[in-house]
Amino acid sequence: TNSIPIDQTHGTAIDASTIITGNFSELVIGVRQSMRIELLRETYAANYQFGFLAHLRADVQPMHEESFVKISGIIP
């Protein structure tokens, strides 16, 4: 995901990041509605291209929080 920042401060480093790892078989995904994919013709028509818009409402929840861990201070 790109929602985990790569500019966290850890000690003197200003480019640290975080890793979330664990037993992903213990992660439950709940789908609230089926995925909808729309074809966008007009937006890209000038270049003879097509675009796609995908939409899905879902949520995730660990069955056991102990199955996952957050590791902070990862420096490249």
PDB file of N, CA and C in Angstrom:
ATOM      1  N   THR A   1       0.834  -1.179   0.000  1.00  0.00           N
ATOM      2  CA  THR A   1       0.000   0.000   0.000  1.00  0.00           C
ATOM      3  C   THR A   1       0.877   1.239   0.000  1.00  0.00           C
ATOM      4  N   ASN A   2       0.363   2.297  -0.521  1.00  0.00           N
ATOM      5  CA  ASN A   2       1.101   3.547  -0.476  1.00  0.00           C
ATOM      6  C   ASN A   2       0.596   4.439   0.653  1.00  0.00           C
ATOM      7  N   SER A   3      -0.218   3.892   1.554  1.00  0.00           N
ATOM      8  CA  SER A   3      -0.716   4.692   2.666  1.00  0.00           C
ATOM      9  C   SER A   3       0.217   4.646   3.874  1.00  0.00           C
ATOM     10  N   ILE A   4       1.280   3.856   3.826  1.00  0.00           N
ATOM     11  CA  ILE A   4       2.275   3.836   4.894  1.00  0.00           C
ATOM     12  C   ILE A   4       3.366   4.840   4.519  1.00  0.00           C
ATOM     13  N   PRO A   5       3.587   5.842   5.367  1.00  0.00           N
ATOM     14  CA  PRO A   5       4.555   6.883   5.009  1.00  0.00           C
ATOM     15  C   PRO A   5       5.991   6.358   4.975  1.00  0.00           C
ATOM     16  N   ILE A   6       6.805   7.006   4.163  1.00  0.00           N
ATOM     17  CA  ILE A   6       8.229   6.656   4.068  1.00  0.00           C
ATOM     18  C   ILE A   6       9.100   7.804   4.573  1.00  0.00           C
ATOM     19  N   ASP A   7       8.498   8.730   5.298  1.00  0.00           N
ATOM     20  CA  ASP A   7       9.243   9.874   5.808  1.00  0.00           C
ATOM     21  C   ASP A   7       9.100  10.026   7.320  1.00  0.00           C
ATOM     22  N   GLN A   8       9.022   8.895   8.029  1.00  0.00           N
ATOM     23  CA  GLN A   8       8.919   8.931   9.481  1.00  0.00           C
ATOM     24  C   GLN A   8      10.292   9.202  10.095  1.00  0.00           C
ATOM     25  N   THR A   9      10.302   9.821  11.265  1.00  0.00           N
ATOM     26  CA  THR A   9      11.551  10.071  11.984  1.00  0.00           C
ATOM     27  C   THR A   9      11.803   8.924  12.937  1.00  0.00           C
ATOM     28  N   HIS A  10      13.013   8.372  12.880  1.00  0.00           N
ATOM     29  CA  HIS A  10      13.426   7.295  13.783  1.00  0.00           C
ATOM     30  C   HIS A  10      14.889   7.543  14.124  1.00  0.00           C
ATOM     31  N   GLY A  11      15.144   7.980  15.336  1.00  0.00           N
ATOM     32  CA  GLY A  11      16.509   8.372  15.698  1.00  0.00           C
ATOM     33  C   GLY A  11      16.902   9.605  14.893  1.00  0.00           C
ATOM     34  N   THR A  12      18.013   9.509  14.167  1.00  0.00           N
ATOM     35  CA  THR A  12      18.435  10.623  13.314  1.00  0.00           C
ATOM     36  C   THR A  12      17.940  10.477  11.886  1.00  0.00           C
ATOM     37  N   ALA A  13      17.331   9.348  11.558  1.00  0.00           N
ATOM     38  CA  ALA A  13      16.834   9.123  10.197  1.00  0.00           C
ATOM     39  C   ALA A  13      15.495   9.832  10.006  1.00  0.00           C
ATOM     40  N   ILE A  14      15.316  10.410   8.824  1.00  0.00           N
ATOM     41  CA  ILE A  14      14.043  11.066   8.501  1.00  0.00           C
ATOM     42  C   ILE A  14      13.328  10.350   7.356  1.00  0.00           C
ATOM     43  N   ASP A  15      13.868   9.189   6.950  1.00  0.00           N
ATOM     44  CA  ASP A  15      13.275   8.429   5.848  1.00  0.00           C
ATOM     45  C   ASP A  15      12.886   7.022   6.275  1.00  0.00           C
ATOM     46  N   ALA A  16      12.479   6.882   7.534  1.00  0.00           N
ATOM     47  CA  ALA A  16      12.104   5.568   8.057  1.00  0.00           C
ATOM     48  C   ALA A  16      10.672   5.220   7.651  1.00  0.00           C
ATOM     49  N   SER A  17      10.343   3.936   7.730  1.00  0.00           N
ATOM     50  CA  SER A  17       9.021   3.463   7.376  1.00  0.00           C
ATOM     51  C   SER A  17       8.576   2.395   8.365  1.00  0.00           C
ATOM     52  N   THR A  18       7.456   1.756   8.088  1.00  0.00           N
ATOM     53  CA  THR A  18       6.863   0.747   8.959  1.00  0.00           C
ATOM     54  C   THR A  18       6.475  -0.471   8.135  1.00  0.00           C
ATOM     55  N   ILE A  19       6.591  -1.653   8.747  1.00  0.00           N
ATOM     56  CA  ILE A  19       6.142  -2.899   8.121  1.00  0.00           C
ATOM     57  C   ILE A  19       5.060  -3.507   8.999  1.00  0.00           C
ATOM     58  N   ILE A  20       3.978  -3.955   8.381  1.00  0.00           N
ATOM     59  CA  ILE A  20       2.947  -4.722   9.086  1.00  0.00           C
ATOM     60  C   ILE A  20       3.017  -6.139   8.535  1.00  0.00           C
ATOM     61  N   THR A  21       3.294  -7.080   9.407  1.00  0.00           N
ATOM     62  CA  THR A  21       3.460  -8.464   8.981  1.00  0.00           C
ATOM     63  C   THR A  21       2.706  -9.384   9.933  1.00  0.00           C
ATOM     64  N   GLY A  22       2.504 -10.601   9.511  1.00  0.00           N
ATOM     65  CA  GLY A  22       1.816 -11.546  10.363  1.00  0.00           C
ATOM     66  C   GLY A  22       1.262 -12.711   9.574  1.00  0.00           C
ATOM     67  N   ASN A  23       0.365 -13.432  10.193  1.00  0.00           N
ATOM     68  CA  ASN A  23      -0.268 -14.592   9.598  1.00  0.00           C
ATOM     69  C   ASN A  23      -1.546 -14.127   8.899  1.00  0.00           C
ATOM     70  N   PHE A  24      -1.439 -13.849   7.601  1.00  0.00           N
ATOM     71  CA  PHE A  24      -2.567 -13.278   6.881  1.00  0.00           C
ATOM     72  C   PHE A  24      -3.708 -14.268   6.652  1.00  0.00           C
ATOM     73  N   SER A  25      -3.513 -15.542   6.991  1.00  0.00           N
ATOM     74  CA  SER A  25      -4.650 -16.465   6.958  1.00  0.00           C
ATOM     75  C   SER A  25      -5.600 -16.181   8.119  1.00  0.00           C
ATOM     76  N   GLU A  26      -5.159 -15.363   9.092  1.00  0.00           N
ATOM     77  CA  GLU A  26      -5.981 -14.963  10.229  1.00  0.00           C
ATOM     78  C   GLU A  26      -6.690 -13.631   9.967  1.00  0.00           C
ATOM     79  N   LEU A  27      -6.664 -13.148   8.728  1.00  0.00           N
ATOM     80  CA  LEU A  27      -7.295 -11.884   8.376  1.00  0.00           C
ATOM     81  C   LEU A  27      -8.599 -12.158   7.634  1.00  0.00           C
ATOM     82  N   VAL A  28      -9.689 -11.584   8.117  1.00  0.00           N
ATOM     83  CA  VAL A  28     -10.998 -11.777   7.516  1.00  0.00           C
ATOM     84  C   VAL A  28     -11.330 -10.545   6.674  1.00  0.00           C
ATOM     85  N   ILE A  29     -11.795 -10.773   5.447  1.00  0.00           N
ATOM     86  CA  ILE A  29     -12.194  -9.692   4.559  1.00  0.00           C
ATOM     87  C   ILE A  29     -13.703  -9.777   4.367  1.00  0.00           C
ATOM     88  N   GLY A  30     -14.381  -8.717   4.727  1.00  0.00           N
ATOM     89  CA  GLY A  30     -15.832  -8.657   4.560  1.00  0.00           C
ATOM     90  C   GLY A  30     -16.177  -7.747   3.392  1.00  0.00           C
ATOM     91  N   VAL A  31     -16.892  -8.274   2.409  1.00  0.00           N
ATOM     92  CA  VAL A  31     -17.275  -7.503   1.232  1.00  0.00           C
ATOM     93  C   VAL A  31     -18.697  -7.007   1.434  1.00  0.00           C
ATOM     94  N   ARG A  32     -18.872  -5.689   1.377  1.00  0.00           N
ATOM     95  CA  ARG A  32     -20.187  -5.091   1.608  1.00  0.00           C
ATOM     96  C   ARG A  32     -21.034  -5.060   0.347  1.00  0.00           C
ATOM     97  N   GLN A  33     -20.420  -4.947  -0.789  1.00  0.00           N
ATOM     98  CA  GLN A  33     -21.142  -5.005  -2.056  1.00  0.00           C
ATOM     99  C   GLN A  33     -20.177  -5.541  -3.103  1.00  0.00           C
ATOM    100  N   SER A  34     -20.711  -6.080  -4.180  1.00  0.00           N
ATOM    101  CA  SER A  34     -19.849  -6.655  -5.204  1.00  0.00           C
ATOM    102  C   SER A  34     -19.057  -5.559  -5.911  1.00  0.00           C
ATOM    103  N   MET A  35     -17.931  -5.953  -6.493  1.00  0.00           N
ATOM    104  CA  MET A  35     -17.094  -4.993  -7.194  1.00  0.00           C
ATOM    105  C   MET A  35     -17.796  -4.490  -8.445  1.00  0.00           C
ATOM    106  N   ARG A  36     -17.707  -3.202  -8.666  1.00  0.00           N
ATOM    107  CA  ARG A  36     -18.301  -2.583  -9.846  1.00  0.00           C
ATOM    108  C   ARG A  36     -17.170  -2.011 -10.692  1.00  0.00           C
ATOM    109  N   ILE A  37     -17.123  -2.372 -11.968  1.00  0.00           N
ATOM    110  CA  ILE A  37     -16.110  -1.861 -12.891  1.00  0.00           C
ATOM    111  C   ILE A  37     -16.824  -1.154 -14.030  1.00  0.00           C
ATOM    112  N   GLU A  38     -16.457   0.102 -14.239  1.00  0.00           N
ATOM    113  CA  GLU A  38     -17.051   0.895 -15.310  1.00  0.00           C
ATOM    114  C   GLU A  38     -15.996   1.214 -16.355  1.00  0.00           C
ATOM    115  N   LEU A  39     -16.404   1.197 -17.588  1.00  0.00           N
ATOM    116  CA  LEU A  39     -15.528   1.546 -18.702  1.00  0.00           C
ATOM    117  C   LEU A  39     -15.669   3.039 -18.979  1.00  0.00           C
ATOM    118  N   LEU A  40     -14.546   3.753 -18.977  1.00  0.00           N
ATOM    119  CA  LEU A  40     -14.537   5.193 -19.228  1.00  0.00           C
ATOM    120  C   LEU A  40     -14.027   5.431 -20.643  1.00  0.00           C
ATOM    121  N   ARG A  41     -14.932   5.678 -21.557  1.00  0.00           N
ATOM    122  CA  ARG A  41     -14.548   5.874 -22.959  1.00  0.00           C
ATOM    123  C   ARG A  41     -14.261   7.336 -23.282  1.00  0.00           C
ATOM    124  N   GLU A  42     -15.140   8.215 -22.805  1.00  0.00           N
ATOM    125  CA  GLU A  42     -15.065   9.612 -23.210  1.00  0.00           C
ATOM    126  C   GLU A  42     -13.777  10.293 -22.758  1.00  0.00           C
ATOM    127  N   THR A  43     -13.332  10.006 -21.567  1.00  0.00           N
ATOM    128  CA  THR A  43     -12.158  10.676 -21.007  1.00  0.00           C
ATOM    129  C   THR A  43     -10.913  10.443 -21.847  1.00  0.00           C
ATOM    130  N   TYR A  44     -10.774   9.264 -22.408  1.00  0.00           N
ATOM    131  CA  TYR A  44      -9.548   8.898 -23.129  1.00  0.00           C
ATOM    132  C   TYR A  44      -9.749   8.771 -24.639  1.00  0.00           C
ATOM    133  N   ALA A  45     -10.900   9.184 -25.135  1.00  0.00           N
ATOM    134  CA  ALA A  45     -11.241   8.982 -26.545  1.00  0.00           C
ATOM    135  C   ALA A  45     -10.276   9.698 -27.486  1.00  0.00           C
ATOM    136  N   ALA A  46      -9.766  10.852 -27.113  1.00  0.00           N
ATOM    137  CA  ALA A  46      -8.869  11.613 -27.993  1.00  0.00           C
ATOM    138  C   ALA A  46      -7.590  10.850 -28.304  1.00  0.00           C
ATOM    139  N   ASN A  47      -7.185   9.960 -27.399  1.00  0.00           N
ATOM    140  CA  ASN A  47      -5.957   9.170 -27.592  1.00  0.00           C
ATOM    141  C   ASN A  47      -6.249   7.725 -27.982  1.00  0.00           C
ATOM    142  N   TYR A  48      -7.502   7.417 -28.329  1.00  0.00           N
ATOM    143  CA  TYR A  48      -7.912   6.044 -28.675  1.00  0.00           C
ATOM    144  C   TYR A  48      -7.577   5.064 -27.537  1.00  0.00           C
ATOM    145  N   GLN A  49      -7.873   5.474 -26.321  1.00  0.00           N
ATOM    146  CA  GLN A  49      -7.602   4.658 -25.143  1.00  0.00           C
ATOM    147  C   GLN A  49      -8.888   4.447 -24.354  1.00  0.00           C
ATOM    148  N   PHE A  50      -8.841   3.522 -23.421  1.00  0.00           N
ATOM    149  CA  PHE A  50      -9.950   3.267 -22.510  1.00  0.00           C
ATOM    150  C   PHE A  50      -9.434   3.387 -21.089  1.00  0.00           C
ATOM    151  N   GLY A  51     -10.288   3.808 -20.193  1.00  0.00           N
ATOM    152  CA  GLY A  51      -9.968   3.844 -18.770  1.00  0.00           C
ATOM    153  C   GLY A  51     -10.980   2.998 -18.019  1.00  0.00           C
ATOM    154  N   PHE A  52     -10.605   2.556 -16.846  1.00  0.00           N
ATOM    155  CA  PHE A  52     -11.490   1.751 -16.011  1.00  0.00           C
ATOM    156  C   PHE A  52     -11.619   2.403 -14.645  1.00  0.00           C
ATOM    157  N   LEU A  53     -12.804   2.354 -14.105  1.00  0.00           N
ATOM    158  CA  LEU A  53     -13.073   2.829 -12.762  1.00  0.00           C
ATOM    159  C   LEU A  53     -13.610   1.642 -11.975  1.00  0.00           C
ATOM    160  N   ALA A  54     -12.918   1.260 -10.915  1.00  0.00           N
ATOM    161  CA  ALA A  54     -13.332   0.114 -10.097  1.00  0.00           C
ATOM    162  C   ALA A  54     -13.734   0.612  -8.713  1.00  0.00           C
ATOM    163  N   HIS A  55     -14.800   0.035  -8.181  1.00  0.00           N
ATOM    164  CA  HIS A  55     -15.310   0.435  -6.875  1.00  0.00           C
ATOM    165  C   HIS A  55     -15.714  -0.810  -6.094  1.00  0.00           C
ATOM    166  N   LEU A  56     -15.238  -0.897  -4.848  1.00  0.00           N
ATOM    167  CA  LEU A  56     -15.564  -2.023  -3.976  1.00  0.00           C
ATOM    168  C   LEU A  56     -15.636  -1.519  -2.549  1.00  0.00           C
ATOM    169  N   ARG A  57     -16.684  -1.882  -1.843  1.00  0.00           N
ATOM    170  CA  ARG A  57     -16.784  -1.564  -0.420  1.00  0.00           C
ATOM    171  C   ARG A  57     -16.480  -2.829   0.360  1.00  0.00           C
ATOM    172  N   ALA A  58     -15.414  -2.773   1.146  1.00  0.00           N
ATOM    173  CA  ALA A  58     -14.994  -3.937   1.924  1.00  0.00           C
ATOM    174  C   ALA A  58     -14.347  -3.464   3.223  1.00  0.00           C
ATOM    175  N   ASP A  59     -14.158  -4.390   4.134  1.00  0.00           N
ATOM    176  CA  ASP A  59     -13.512  -4.101   5.399  1.00  0.00           C
ATOM    177  C   ASP A  59     -12.666  -5.308   5.788  1.00  0.00           C
ATOM    178  N   VAL A  60     -11.657  -5.084   6.597  1.00  0.00           N
ATOM    179  CA  VAL A  60     -10.809  -6.182   7.061  1.00  0.00           C
ATOM    180  C   VAL A  60     -10.752  -6.171   8.584  1.00  0.00           C
ATOM    181  N   GLN A  61     -10.590  -7.352   9.154  1.00  0.00           N
ATOM    182  CA  GLN A  61     -10.500  -7.486  10.602  1.00  0.00           C
ATOM    183  C   GLN A  61      -9.668  -8.726  10.923  1.00  0.00           C
ATOM    184  N   PRO A  62      -8.663  -8.607  11.792  1.00  0.00           N
ATOM    185  CA  PRO A  62      -7.921  -9.803  12.196  1.00  0.00           C
ATOM    186  C   PRO A  62      -8.757 -10.662  13.146  1.00  0.00           C
ATOM    187  N   MET A  63      -8.680 -11.986  12.977  1.00  0.00           N
ATOM    188  CA  MET A  63      -9.386 -12.882  13.898  1.00  0.00           C
ATOM    189  C   MET A  63      -8.745 -12.826  15.279  1.00  0.00           C
ATOM    190  N   HIS A  64      -7.410 -12.704  15.303  1.00  0.00           N
ATOM    191  CA  HIS A  64      -6.656 -12.585  16.552  1.00  0.00           C
ATOM    192  C   HIS A  64      -5.606 -11.494  16.342  1.00  0.00           C
ATOM    193  N   GLU A  65      -5.694 -10.421  17.109  1.00  0.00           N
ATOM    194  CA  GLU A  65      -4.761  -9.308  16.932  1.00  0.00           C
ATOM    195  C   GLU A  65      -3.316  -9.729  17.169  1.00  0.00           C
ATOM    196  N   GLU A  66      -3.108 -10.784  17.976  1.00  0.00           N
ATOM    197  CA  GLU A  66      -1.757 -11.264  18.261  1.00  0.00           C
ATOM    198  C   GLU A  66      -1.093 -11.871  17.025  1.00  0.00           C
ATOM    199  N   SER A  67      -1.862 -12.132  15.976  1.00  0.00           N
ATOM    200  CA  SER A  67      -1.324 -12.732  14.756  1.00  0.00           C
ATOM    201  C   SER A  67      -0.590 -11.720  13.887  1.00  0.00           C
ATOM    202  N   PHE A  68      -0.650 -10.431  14.252  1.00  0.00           N
ATOM    203  CA  PHE A  68      -0.032  -9.387  13.444  1.00  0.00           C
ATOM    204  C   PHE A  68       0.851  -8.511  14.313  1.00  0.00           C
ATOM    205  N   VAL A  69       1.877  -7.948  13.691  1.00  0.00           N
ATOM    206  CA  VAL A  69       2.801  -7.080  14.412  1.00  0.00           C
ATOM    207  C   VAL A  69       3.200  -5.908  13.520  1.00  0.00           C
ATOM    208  N   LYS A  70       3.424  -4.767  14.147  1.00  0.00           N
ATOM    209  CA  LYS A  70       3.871  -3.560  13.436  1.00  0.00           C
ATOM    210  C   LYS A  70       5.336  -3.327  13.790  1.00  0.00           C
ATOM    211  N   ILE A  71       6.191  -3.280  12.783  1.00  0.00           N
ATOM    212  CA  ILE A  71       7.618  -3.060  12.978  1.00  0.00           C
ATOM    213  C   ILE A  71       7.927  -1.649  12.489  1.00  0.00           C
ATOM    214  N   SER A  72       8.335  -0.782  13.394  1.00  0.00           N
ATOM    215  CA  SER A  72       8.607   0.618  13.051  1.00  0.00           C
ATOM    216  C   SER A  72      10.108   0.855  12.954  1.00  0.00           C
ATOM    217  N   GLY A  73      10.467   1.932  12.278  1.00  0.00           N
ATOM    218  CA  GLY A  73      11.874   2.338  12.204  1.00  0.00           C
ATOM    219  C   GLY A  73      12.652   1.623  11.135  1.00  0.00           C
ATOM    220  N   ILE A  74      12.007   1.183  10.060  1.00  0.00           N
ATOM    221  CA  ILE A  74      12.698   0.517   8.954  1.00  0.00           C
ATOM    222  C   ILE A  74      13.386   1.592   8.131  1.00  0.00           C
ATOM    223  N   ILE A  75      14.705   1.482   8.010  1.00  0.00           N
ATOM    224  CA  ILE A  75      15.500   2.490   7.291  1.00  0.00           C
ATOM    225  C   ILE A  75      16.077   1.842   6.030  1.00  0.00           C
ATOM    226  N   PRO A  76      15.906   2.510   4.876  1.00  0.00           N
ATOM    227  CA  PRO A  76      16.419   1.917   3.629  1.00  0.00           C
ATOM    228  C   PRO A  76      17.944   1.867   3.582  1.00  0.00           C
TER     229      PRO A  76
END
